[in-house]
């Protein structure tokens, strides 16, 4: 029973100490709060202004977002320092403590920190931008977002793929921007005129695609089946497989309607001990 009054006494002393501090430094606390509110408001204004300036100079969305965020963070940190000094604290030891704490944290989390360094390098060098299509780490998708810590891709199925930026820097990747190269092959018989078939495939692809100048069709190789024709064209990456399936079907239907033969490989099988079929 004697412990409870002792705990109450301790709580009472703590309450009185806090109350005395609030009464003594009430104006300083109020001033610090007002400084932080003004700082937050001003930081938002500066951030919007920086973004507008970047957009007027035709910088891409990633750089604009980075510079606006950097400006906002800088203004907020300046006002936090002013607010802390308003409360009567000495700034120099506080900055030293923050620096030591930051150094210790950076050693403990070197992996995540390296992602931020790599992200900054990506933002400044801009090997790709929002809307580009890249193939990275055997993953293909449209760049949906570029953050300091990671790059976000969106594939044709709508899935978001998160790749740490340290896995990007120093790696070889393909950037095909908004379109992706499609290649396909089809065989026609030697009895068919290859020039007619090539022209037919070109016309079929041109009727389905907006950029007919990038269509290439030609004889790739010869085999016992016949001529092997290859056609190459660029299609929107976001619709790559849908476009590939549709174009292949259109080419097949066009050749079939034109009466051009498309041979398929055949193989004769003879069972050991049996008589060969007539004509073999």
C-alpha atoms as a PDB file:
ATOM      1  CA  UNK A   1       0.000   0.000   0.000  1.00  0.00           C
ATOM      2  CA  UNK A   2       3.003   2.292   0.612  1.00  0.00           C
ATOM      3  CA  UNK A   3       4.216   1.896  -2.990  1.00  0.00           C
ATOM      4  CA  UNK A   4       1.121   3.496  -4.523  1.00  0.00           C
ATOM      5  CA  UNK A   5       1.490   6.877  -2.811  1.00  0.00           C
ATOM      6  CA  UNK A   6       5.182   6.902  -3.761  1.00  0.00           C
ATOM      7  CA  UNK A   7       4.296   6.335  -7.424  1.00  0.00           C
ATOM      8  CA  UNK A   8       1.673   9.058  -7.220  1.00  0.00           C
ATOM      9  CA  UNK A   9       4.259  11.413  -5.779  1.00  0.00           C
ATOM     10  CA  UNK A  10       6.617  10.676  -8.648  1.00  0.00           C
ATOM     11  CA  UNK A  11       3.830  11.237 -11.165  1.00  0.00           C
ATOM     12  CA  UNK A  12       2.896  14.486  -9.410  1.00  0.00           C
ATOM     13  CA  UNK A  13       6.496  15.728  -9.543  1.00  0.00           C
ATOM     14  CA  UNK A  14       6.693  14.885 -13.239  1.00  0.00           C
ATOM     15  CA  UNK A  15       3.393  16.640 -13.892  1.00  0.00           C
ATOM     16  CA  UNK A  16       4.530  19.744 -12.021  1.00  0.00           C
ATOM     17  CA  UNK A  17       7.837  19.751 -13.906  1.00  0.00           C
ATOM     18  CA  UNK A  18       6.087  19.556 -17.272  1.00  0.00           C
ATOM     19  CA  UNK A  19       3.563  22.208 -16.242  1.00  0.00           C
ATOM     20  CA  UNK A  20       6.336  24.513 -15.084  1.00  0.00           C
ATOM     21  CA  UNK A  21       8.211  23.999 -18.341  1.00  0.00           C
ATOM     22  CA  UNK A  22       5.105  24.748 -20.396  1.00  0.00           C
ATOM     23  CA  UNK A  23       4.380  27.904 -18.391  1.00  0.00           C
ATOM     24  CA  UNK A  24       7.989  29.096 -18.531  1.00  0.00           C
ATOM     25  CA  UNK A  25       8.560  28.328 -22.216  1.00  0.00           C
ATOM     26  CA  UNK A  26       4.984  28.639 -23.494  1.00  0.00           C
ATOM     27  CA  UNK A  27       5.802  31.549 -25.795  1.00  0.00           C
ATOM     28  CA  UNK A  28       8.897  29.749 -27.143  1.00  0.00           C
ATOM     29  CA  UNK A  29       6.859  26.576 -27.791  1.00  0.00           C
ATOM     30  CA  UNK A  30       4.111  28.574 -29.461  1.00  0.00           C
ATOM     31  CA  UNK A  31       6.681  30.387 -31.564  1.00  0.00           C
ATOM     32  CA  UNK A  32       8.323  27.088 -32.593  1.00  0.00           C
ATOM     33  CA  UNK A  33       4.947  25.634 -33.612  1.00  0.00           C
ATOM     34  CA  UNK A  34       4.132  28.738 -35.656  1.00  0.00           C
ATOM     35  CA  UNK A  35       7.564  28.565 -37.310  1.00  0.00           C
ATOM     36  CA  UNK A  36       6.998  24.910 -38.261  1.00  0.00           C
ATOM     37  CA  UNK A  37       3.544  25.679 -39.686  1.00  0.00           C
ATOM     38  CA  UNK A  38       4.914  28.568 -41.749  1.00  0.00           C
ATOM     39  CA  UNK A  39       7.828  26.408 -42.854  1.00  0.00           C
ATOM     40  CA  UNK A  40       5.541  23.596 -44.011  1.00  0.00           C
ATOM     41  CA  UNK A  41       3.318  26.059 -45.905  1.00  0.00           C
ATOM     42  CA  UNK A  42       6.283  27.812 -47.506  1.00  0.00           C
ATOM     43  CA  UNK A  43       7.924  24.474 -48.415  1.00  0.00           C
ATOM     44  CA  UNK A  44       4.774  23.409 -50.292  1.00  0.00           C
ATOM     45  CA  UNK A  45       4.743  26.699 -52.182  1.00  0.00           C
ATOM     46  CA  UNK A  46       8.429  26.443 -53.082  1.00  0.00           C
ATOM     47  CA  UNK A  47       7.958  22.828 -54.191  1.00  0.00           C
ATOM     48  CA  UNK A  48       5.108  23.779 -56.534  1.00  0.00           C
ATOM     49  CA  UNK A  49       7.104  26.716 -57.899  1.00  0.00           C
ATOM     50  CA  UNK A  50      10.135  24.529 -58.612  1.00  0.00           C
ATOM     51  CA  UNK A  51       7.933  21.959 -60.363  1.00  0.00           C
ATOM     52  CA  UNK A  52       6.369  24.653 -62.570  1.00  0.00           C
ATOM     53  CA  UNK A  53       9.802  26.004 -63.516  1.00  0.00           C
ATOM     54  CA  UNK A  54      11.012  22.499 -64.396  1.00  0.00           C
ATOM     55  CA  UNK A  55       7.911  21.850 -66.516  1.00  0.00           C
ATOM     56  CA  UNK A  56       8.404  25.143 -68.377  1.00  0.00           C
ATOM     57  CA  UNK A  57      11.955  24.061 -69.167  1.00  0.00           C
ATOM     58  CA  UNK A  58      10.566  20.742 -70.510  1.00  0.00           C
ATOM     59  CA  UNK A  59      12.274  18.569 -67.915  1.00  0.00           C
ATOM     60  CA  UNK A  60      10.710  15.114 -67.619  1.00  0.00           C
ATOM     61  CA  UNK A  61       8.400  14.215 -64.748  1.00  0.00           C
ATOM     62  CA  UNK A  62      11.077  12.295 -62.834  1.00  0.00           C
ATOM     63  CA  UNK A  63      13.521  15.197 -62.664  1.00  0.00           C
ATOM     64  CA  UNK A  64      10.743  17.670 -61.904  1.00  0.00           C
ATOM     65  CA  UNK A  65       9.522  15.531 -59.017  1.00  0.00           C
ATOM     66  CA  UNK A  66      13.060  15.067 -57.676  1.00  0.00           C
ATOM     67  CA  UNK A  67      13.922  18.771 -57.677  1.00  0.00           C
ATOM     68  CA  UNK A  68      10.576  19.786 -56.181  1.00  0.00           C
ATOM     69  CA  UNK A  69      10.921  17.190 -53.401  1.00  0.00           C
ATOM     70  CA  UNK A  70      14.505  18.280 -52.737  1.00  0.00           C
ATOM     71  CA  UNK A  71      13.448  21.927 -52.471  1.00  0.00           C
ATOM     72  CA  UNK A  72      10.592  21.066 -50.089  1.00  0.00           C
ATOM     73  CA  UNK A  73      12.820  18.934 -47.852  1.00  0.00           C
ATOM     74  CA  UNK A  74      15.506  21.641 -47.722  1.00  0.00           C
ATOM     75  CA  UNK A  75      13.038  24.363 -46.687  1.00  0.00           C
ATOM     76  CA  UNK A  76      11.481  22.134 -44.023  1.00  0.00           C
ATOM     77  CA  UNK A  77      14.896  21.273 -42.548  1.00  0.00           C
ATOM     78  CA  UNK A  78      15.841  24.972 -42.381  1.00  0.00           C
ATOM     79  CA  UNK A  79      12.663  25.841 -40.508  1.00  0.00           C
ATOM     80  CA  UNK A  80      13.109  22.857 -38.164  1.00  0.00           C
ATOM     81  CA  UNK A  81      16.545  24.217 -37.223  1.00  0.00           C
ATOM     82  CA  UNK A  82      15.038  27.658 -36.594  1.00  0.00           C
ATOM     83  CA  UNK A  83      12.223  26.151 -34.505  1.00  0.00           C
ATOM     84  CA  UNK A  84      14.672  24.144 -32.396  1.00  0.00           C
ATOM     85  CA  UNK A  85      16.759  27.251 -31.747  1.00  0.00           C
ATOM     86  CA  UNK A  86      13.564  29.065 -30.742  1.00  0.00           C
ATOM     87  CA  UNK A  87      13.138  26.534 -27.936  1.00  0.00           C
ATOM     88  CA  UNK A  88      16.535  27.486 -26.547  1.00  0.00           C
ATOM     89  CA  UNK A  89      18.510  24.464 -27.660  1.00  0.00           C
ATOM     90  CA  UNK A  90      22.049  24.866 -28.995  1.00  0.00           C
ATOM     91  CA  UNK A  91      22.118  23.931 -32.652  1.00  0.00           C
ATOM     92  CA  UNK A  92      25.746  22.803 -32.999  1.00  0.00           C
ATOM     93  CA  UNK A  93      25.559  19.771 -30.638  1.00  0.00           C
ATOM     94  CA  UNK A  94      22.214  18.810 -32.149  1.00  0.00           C
ATOM     95  CA  UNK A  95      23.632  18.841 -35.679  1.00  0.00           C
ATOM     96  CA  UNK A  96      26.652  16.828 -34.512  1.00  0.00           C
ATOM     97  CA  UNK A  97      24.373  14.266 -32.848  1.00  0.00           C
ATOM     98  CA  UNK A  98      22.216  14.007 -35.969  1.00  0.00           C
ATOM     99  CA  UNK A  99      25.336  13.552 -38.097  1.00  0.00           C
ATOM    100  CA  UNK A 100      26.659  10.784 -35.870  1.00  0.00           C
ATOM    101  CA  UNK A 101      23.270   9.103 -35.794  1.00  0.00           C
ATOM    102  CA  UNK A 102      22.989   9.326 -39.566  1.00  0.00           C
ATOM    103  CA  UNK A 103      26.455   7.832 -39.998  1.00  0.00           C
ATOM    104  CA  UNK A 104      25.612   4.944 -37.687  1.00  0.00           C
ATOM    105  CA  UNK A 105      22.328   4.261 -39.445  1.00  0.00           C
ATOM    106  CA  UNK A 106      24.015   4.380 -42.866  1.00  0.00           C
ATOM    107  CA  UNK A 107      26.492   1.711 -41.770  1.00  0.00           C
ATOM    108  CA  UNK A 108      23.661  -0.472 -40.482  1.00  0.00           C
ATOM    109  CA  UNK A 109      21.614  -0.194 -43.662  1.00  0.00           C
ATOM    110  CA  UNK A 110      24.182   0.050 -46.446  1.00  0.00           C
ATOM    111  CA  UNK A 111      21.984  -1.929 -48.830  1.00  0.00           C
ATOM    112  CA  UNK A 112      18.976   0.426 -48.763  1.00  0.00           C
ATOM    113  CA  UNK A 113      21.276   3.479 -48.765  1.00  0.00           C
ATOM    114  CA  UNK A 114      23.005   2.236 -51.930  1.00  0.00           C
ATOM    115  CA  UNK A 115      19.565   2.055 -53.567  1.00  0.00           C
ATOM    116  CA  UNK A 116      19.107   5.785 -52.918  1.00  0.00           C
ATOM    117  CA  UNK A 117      22.532   6.588 -54.354  1.00  0.00           C
ATOM    118  CA  UNK A 118      21.770   4.526 -57.449  1.00  0.00           C
ATOM    119  CA  UNK A 119      18.360   6.178 -57.739  1.00  0.00           C
ATOM    120  CA  UNK A 120      19.972   9.611 -57.716  1.00  0.00           C
ATOM    121  CA  UNK A 121      22.354   8.510 -60.482  1.00  0.00           C
ATOM    122  CA  UNK A 122      19.411   7.235 -62.567  1.00  0.00           C
ATOM    123  CA  UNK A 123      17.486  10.481 -62.099  1.00  0.00           C
ATOM    124  CA  UNK A 124      20.470  12.612 -63.119  1.00  0.00           C
ATOM    125  CA  UNK A 125      21.727  10.513 -66.055  1.00  0.00           C
ATOM    126  CA  UNK A 126      18.237   9.502 -67.258  1.00  0.00           C
ATOM    127  CA  UNK A 127      18.995   6.215 -69.071  1.00  0.00           C
ATOM    128  CA  UNK A 128      15.207   5.821 -69.212  1.00  0.00           C
ATOM    129  CA  UNK A 129      12.179   7.921 -68.394  1.00  0.00           C
ATOM    130  CA  UNK A 130       8.535   7.416 -67.519  1.00  0.00           C
ATOM    131  CA  UNK A 131       6.687   5.630 -70.310  1.00  0.00           C
ATOM    132  CA  UNK A 132       9.790   3.930 -71.752  1.00  0.00           C
ATOM    133  CA  UNK A 133       9.801   0.174 -72.208  1.00  0.00           C
ATOM    134  CA  UNK A 134      12.844  -1.582 -70.783  1.00  0.00           C
ATOM    135  CA  UNK A 135      14.000  -5.169 -70.384  1.00  0.00           C
ATOM    136  CA  UNK A 136      15.873  -5.516 -67.095  1.00  0.00           C
ATOM    137  CA  UNK A 137      16.741  -8.598 -65.052  1.00  0.00           C
ATOM    138  CA  UNK A 138      14.709 -10.695 -67.528  1.00  0.00           C
ATOM    139  CA  UNK A 139      11.698  -8.504 -66.753  1.00  0.00           C
ATOM    140  CA  UNK A 140      10.008  -6.445 -69.436  1.00  0.00           C
ATOM    141  CA  UNK A 141       7.616  -3.606 -68.794  1.00  0.00           C
ATOM    142  CA  UNK A 142       6.783   0.067 -69.101  1.00  0.00           C
ATOM    143  CA  UNK A 143       8.479   2.393 -66.596  1.00  0.00           C
ATOM    144  CA  UNK A 144       5.594   3.350 -64.329  1.00  0.00           C
ATOM    145  CA  UNK A 145       7.544   5.244 -61.654  1.00  0.00           C
ATOM    146  CA  UNK A 146      11.140   6.114 -60.774  1.00  0.00           C
ATOM    147  CA  UNK A 147      11.746   6.504 -57.053  1.00  0.00           C
ATOM    148  CA  UNK A 148      15.001   7.119 -55.222  1.00  0.00           C
ATOM    149  CA  UNK A 149      14.969   3.569 -53.872  1.00  0.00           C
ATOM    150  CA  UNK A 150      13.431   1.614 -56.740  1.00  0.00           C
ATOM    151  CA  UNK A 151      12.179   1.575 -60.305  1.00  0.00           C
ATOM    152  CA  UNK A 152       8.608   0.411 -60.868  1.00  0.00           C
ATOM    153  CA  UNK A 153       7.658  -1.378 -64.101  1.00  0.00           C
ATOM    154  CA  UNK A 154       4.187  -2.345 -65.289  1.00  0.00           C
ATOM    155  CA  UNK A 155       3.926  -5.366 -67.584  1.00  0.00           C
ATOM    156  CA  UNK A 156       1.247  -6.230 -70.115  1.00  0.00           C
ATOM    157  CA  UNK A 157      -0.786  -8.077 -67.476  1.00  0.00           C
ATOM    158  CA  UNK A 158      -0.975  -4.921 -65.365  1.00  0.00           C
ATOM    159  CA  UNK A 159       1.388  -6.283 -62.705  1.00  0.00           C
ATOM    160  CA  UNK A 160       3.747  -3.817 -61.029  1.00  0.00           C
ATOM    161  CA  UNK A 161       7.358  -4.985 -60.801  1.00  0.00           C
ATOM    162  CA  UNK A 162       9.566  -3.317 -58.180  1.00  0.00           C
ATOM    163  CA  UNK A 163      13.312  -3.400 -58.923  1.00  0.00           C
ATOM    164  CA  UNK A 164      15.844  -1.939 -56.427  1.00  0.00           C
ATOM    165  CA  UNK A 165      17.853   0.765 -58.133  1.00  0.00           C
ATOM    166  CA  UNK A 166      21.196  -0.755 -57.132  1.00  0.00           C
ATOM    167  CA  UNK A 167      20.240  -3.691 -59.388  1.00  0.00           C
ATOM    168  CA  UNK A 168      19.846  -1.263 -62.295  1.00  0.00           C
ATOM    169  CA  UNK A 169      23.074   0.739 -62.163  1.00  0.00           C
ATOM    170  CA  UNK A 170      25.920  -1.136 -63.828  1.00  0.00           C
ATOM    171  CA  UNK A 171      23.593  -3.627 -65.522  1.00  0.00           C
ATOM    172  CA  UNK A 172      22.971  -4.003 -69.256  1.00  0.00           C
ATOM    173  CA  UNK A 173      19.343  -3.379 -70.154  1.00  0.00           C
ATOM    174  CA  UNK A 174      17.345  -2.717 -73.294  1.00  0.00           C
ATOM    175  CA  UNK A 175      15.352   0.474 -73.678  1.00  0.00           C
ATOM    176  CA  UNK A 176      12.924   0.319 -76.601  1.00  0.00           C
ATOM    177  CA  UNK A 177      10.972   3.362 -75.379  1.00  0.00           C
ATOM    178  CA  UNK A 178       7.249   3.004 -76.218  1.00  0.00           C
ATOM    179  CA  UNK A 179       7.445   0.202 -78.790  1.00  0.00           C
ATOM    180  CA  UNK A 180       8.934  -3.257 -78.988  1.00  0.00           C
ATOM    181  CA  UNK A 181      10.291  -5.145 -81.985  1.00  0.00           C
ATOM    182  CA  UNK A 182       8.216  -8.125 -83.108  1.00  0.00           C
ATOM    183  CA  UNK A 183       9.695 -10.859 -85.296  1.00  0.00           C
ATOM    184  CA  UNK A 184       7.900 -13.858 -86.771  1.00  0.00           C
ATOM    185  CA  UNK A 185       8.569 -16.490 -89.420  1.00  0.00           C
ATOM    186  CA  UNK A 186       6.378 -18.404 -91.837  1.00  0.00           C
ATOM    187  CA  UNK A 187       7.271 -20.953 -94.553  1.00  0.00           C
ATOM    188  CA  UNK A 188       5.791 -21.035 -98.065  1.00  0.00           C
ATOM    189  CA  UNK A 189       6.230 -23.707-100.713  1.00  0.00           C
ATOM    190  CA  UNK A 190       8.678 -23.507-103.597  1.00  0.00           C
ATOM    191  CA  UNK A 191       5.737 -23.472-105.975  1.00  0.00           C
ATOM    192  CA  UNK A 192       4.736 -20.038-104.666  1.00  0.00           C
ATOM    193  CA  UNK A 193       6.111 -16.712-105.902  1.00  0.00           C
ATOM    194  CA  UNK A 194       8.087 -15.233-102.952  1.00  0.00           C
ATOM    195  CA  UNK A 195       7.730 -11.669-104.227  1.00  0.00           C
ATOM    196  CA  UNK A 196       3.946 -11.983-104.236  1.00  0.00           C
ATOM    197  CA  UNK A 197       3.959 -13.451-100.731  1.00  0.00           C
ATOM    198  CA  UNK A 198       6.296 -10.707 -99.438  1.00  0.00           C
ATOM    199  CA  UNK A 199       4.112  -7.977-100.924  1.00  0.00           C
ATOM    200  CA  UNK A 200       0.991  -9.576 -99.462  1.00  0.00           C
ATOM    201  CA  UNK A 201       2.518  -9.745 -95.967  1.00  0.00           C
ATOM    202  CA  UNK A 202       3.677  -6.116 -96.192  1.00  0.00           C
ATOM    203  CA  UNK A 203       0.214  -4.926 -97.195  1.00  0.00           C
ATOM    204  CA  UNK A 204      -1.416  -6.967 -94.429  1.00  0.00           C
ATOM    205  CA  UNK A 205       0.888  -5.575 -91.741  1.00  0.00           C
ATOM    206  CA  UNK A 206       0.596  -2.021 -93.086  1.00  0.00           C
ATOM    207  CA  UNK A 207      -3.196  -2.213 -92.791  1.00  0.00           C
ATOM    208  CA  UNK A 208      -2.893  -3.130 -89.110  1.00  0.00           C
ATOM    209  CA  UNK A 209      -0.042  -0.844 -88.006  1.00  0.00           C
ATOM    210  CA  UNK A 210       0.259   2.930 -87.910  1.00  0.00           C
ATOM    211  CA  UNK A 211       3.947   3.097 -88.917  1.00  0.00           C
ATOM    212  CA  UNK A 212       4.260   1.119 -92.141  1.00  0.00           C
ATOM    213  CA  UNK A 213       7.760   2.483 -92.835  1.00  0.00           C
ATOM    214  CA  UNK A 214       9.269   0.253 -90.155  1.00  0.00           C
ATOM    215  CA  UNK A 215       7.919  -2.993 -91.607  1.00  0.00           C
ATOM    216  CA  UNK A 216      10.519  -5.396 -92.984  1.00  0.00           C
ATOM    217  CA  UNK A 217       9.702  -8.620 -94.856  1.00  0.00           C
ATOM    218  CA  UNK A 218      12.120 -10.899 -96.683  1.00  0.00           C
ATOM    219  CA  UNK A 219      13.473 -14.392 -97.291  1.00  0.00           C
ATOM    220  CA  UNK A 220      15.443 -15.500 -94.252  1.00  0.00           C
ATOM    221  CA  UNK A 221      16.529 -19.006 -95.291  1.00  0.00           C
ATOM    222  CA  UNK A 222      15.764 -22.040 -97.428  1.00  0.00           C
ATOM    223  CA  UNK A 223      14.854 -25.540 -96.286  1.00  0.00           C
ATOM    224  CA  UNK A 224      13.259 -28.713 -97.679  1.00  0.00           C
ATOM    225  CA  UNK A 225       9.910 -27.142 -96.771  1.00  0.00           C
ATOM    226  CA  UNK A 226      10.383 -24.058 -98.946  1.00  0.00           C
ATOM    227  CA  UNK A 227      11.098 -20.359 -98.477  1.00  0.00           C
ATOM    228  CA  UNK A 228      11.191 -19.155 -94.868  1.00  0.00           C
ATOM    229  CA  UNK A 229       9.877 -15.602 -94.788  1.00  0.00           C
ATOM    230  CA  UNK A 230      10.542 -13.364 -91.767  1.00  0.00           C
ATOM    231  CA  UNK A 231       8.601 -10.198 -91.007  1.00  0.00           C
ATOM    232  CA  UNK A 232       9.692  -7.571 -88.503  1.00  0.00           C
ATOM    233  CA  UNK A 233       7.730  -4.607 -87.180  1.00  0.00           C
ATOM    234  CA  UNK A 234       7.366  -2.413 -84.115  1.00  0.00           C
ATOM    235  CA  UNK A 235       4.277  -2.716 -81.958  1.00  0.00           C
ATOM    236  CA  UNK A 236       3.197  -0.939 -78.743  1.00  0.00           C
ATOM    237  CA  UNK A 237       4.837  -2.708 -75.826  1.00  0.00           C
ATOM    238  CA  UNK A 238       1.743  -2.456 -73.684  1.00  0.00           C
ATOM    239  CA  UNK A 239      -0.112  -4.543 -76.311  1.00  0.00           C
ATOM    240  CA  UNK A 240       2.807  -6.672 -77.513  1.00  0.00           C
ATOM    241  CA  UNK A 241       1.317 -10.171 -77.222  1.00  0.00           C
ATOM    242  CA  UNK A 242      -2.181  -9.108 -78.317  1.00  0.00           C
ATOM    243  CA  UNK A 243      -0.694  -7.439 -81.407  1.00  0.00           C
ATOM    244  CA  UNK A 244       1.607 -10.401 -82.117  1.00  0.00           C
ATOM    245  CA  UNK A 245      -1.228 -12.914 -82.030  1.00  0.00           C
ATOM    246  CA  UNK A 246      -3.480 -10.734 -84.202  1.00  0.00           C
ATOM    247  CA  UNK A 247      -0.790 -10.000 -86.814  1.00  0.00           C
ATOM    248  CA  UNK A 248       0.238 -13.645 -87.123  1.00  0.00           C
ATOM    249  CA  UNK A 249      -3.388 -14.627 -87.663  1.00  0.00           C
ATOM    250  CA  UNK A 250      -3.880 -11.888 -90.253  1.00  0.00           C
ATOM    251  CA  UNK A 251      -0.770 -12.967 -92.186  1.00  0.00           C
ATOM    252  CA  UNK A 252      -1.893 -16.599 -92.166  1.00  0.00           C
ATOM    253  CA  UNK A 253      -5.401 -15.723 -93.371  1.00  0.00           C
ATOM    254  CA  UNK A 254      -4.057 -13.454 -96.132  1.00  0.00           C
ATOM    255  CA  UNK A 255      -1.719 -16.132 -97.489  1.00  0.00           C
ATOM    256  CA  UNK A 256      -4.416 -18.779 -97.285  1.00  0.00           C
ATOM    257  CA  UNK A 257      -6.963 -16.629 -99.152  1.00  0.00           C
ATOM    258  CA  UNK A 258      -4.357 -15.935-101.853  1.00  0.00           C
ATOM    259  CA  UNK A 259      -3.876 -19.678-102.359  1.00  0.00           C
ATOM    260  CA  UNK A 260      -0.225 -19.639-101.279  1.00  0.00           C
ATOM    261  CA  UNK A 261       0.769 -23.004 -99.869  1.00  0.00           C
ATOM    262  CA  UNK A 262       2.261 -23.201 -96.384  1.00  0.00           C
ATOM    263  CA  UNK A 263       3.848 -26.662 -96.116  1.00  0.00           C
ATOM    264  CA  UNK A 264       4.225 -28.500 -92.870  1.00  0.00           C
ATOM    265  CA  UNK A 265       6.984 -30.996 -92.085  1.00  0.00           C
ATOM    266  CA  UNK A 266       6.124 -34.660 -92.626  1.00  0.00           C
ATOM    267  CA  UNK A 267       7.874 -37.818 -91.533  1.00  0.00           C
ATOM    268  CA  UNK A 268       7.440 -41.417 -92.668  1.00  0.00           C
ATOM    269  CA  UNK A 269       7.694 -44.039 -89.964  1.00  0.00           C
ATOM    270  CA  UNK A 270       8.305 -47.701 -90.820  1.00  0.00           C
ATOM    271  CA  UNK A 271       7.949 -50.408 -88.183  1.00  0.00           C
ATOM    272  CA  UNK A 272      10.866 -52.865 -88.173  1.00  0.00           C
ATOM    273  CA  UNK A 273       9.864 -56.151 -89.817  1.00  0.00           C
ATOM    274  CA  UNK A 274       6.944 -54.699 -91.725  1.00  0.00           C
ATOM    275  CA  UNK A 275       6.665 -54.285 -95.477  1.00  0.00           C
ATOM    276  CA  UNK A 276       7.258 -50.748 -96.740  1.00  0.00           C
ATOM    277  CA  UNK A 277       4.180 -48.876 -97.970  1.00  0.00           C
ATOM    278  CA  UNK A 278       3.546 -48.769-101.686  1.00  0.00           C
ATOM    279  CA  UNK A 279       5.473 -45.998-103.374  1.00  0.00           C
ATOM    280  CA  UNK A 280       8.230 -45.892-100.733  1.00  0.00           C
END
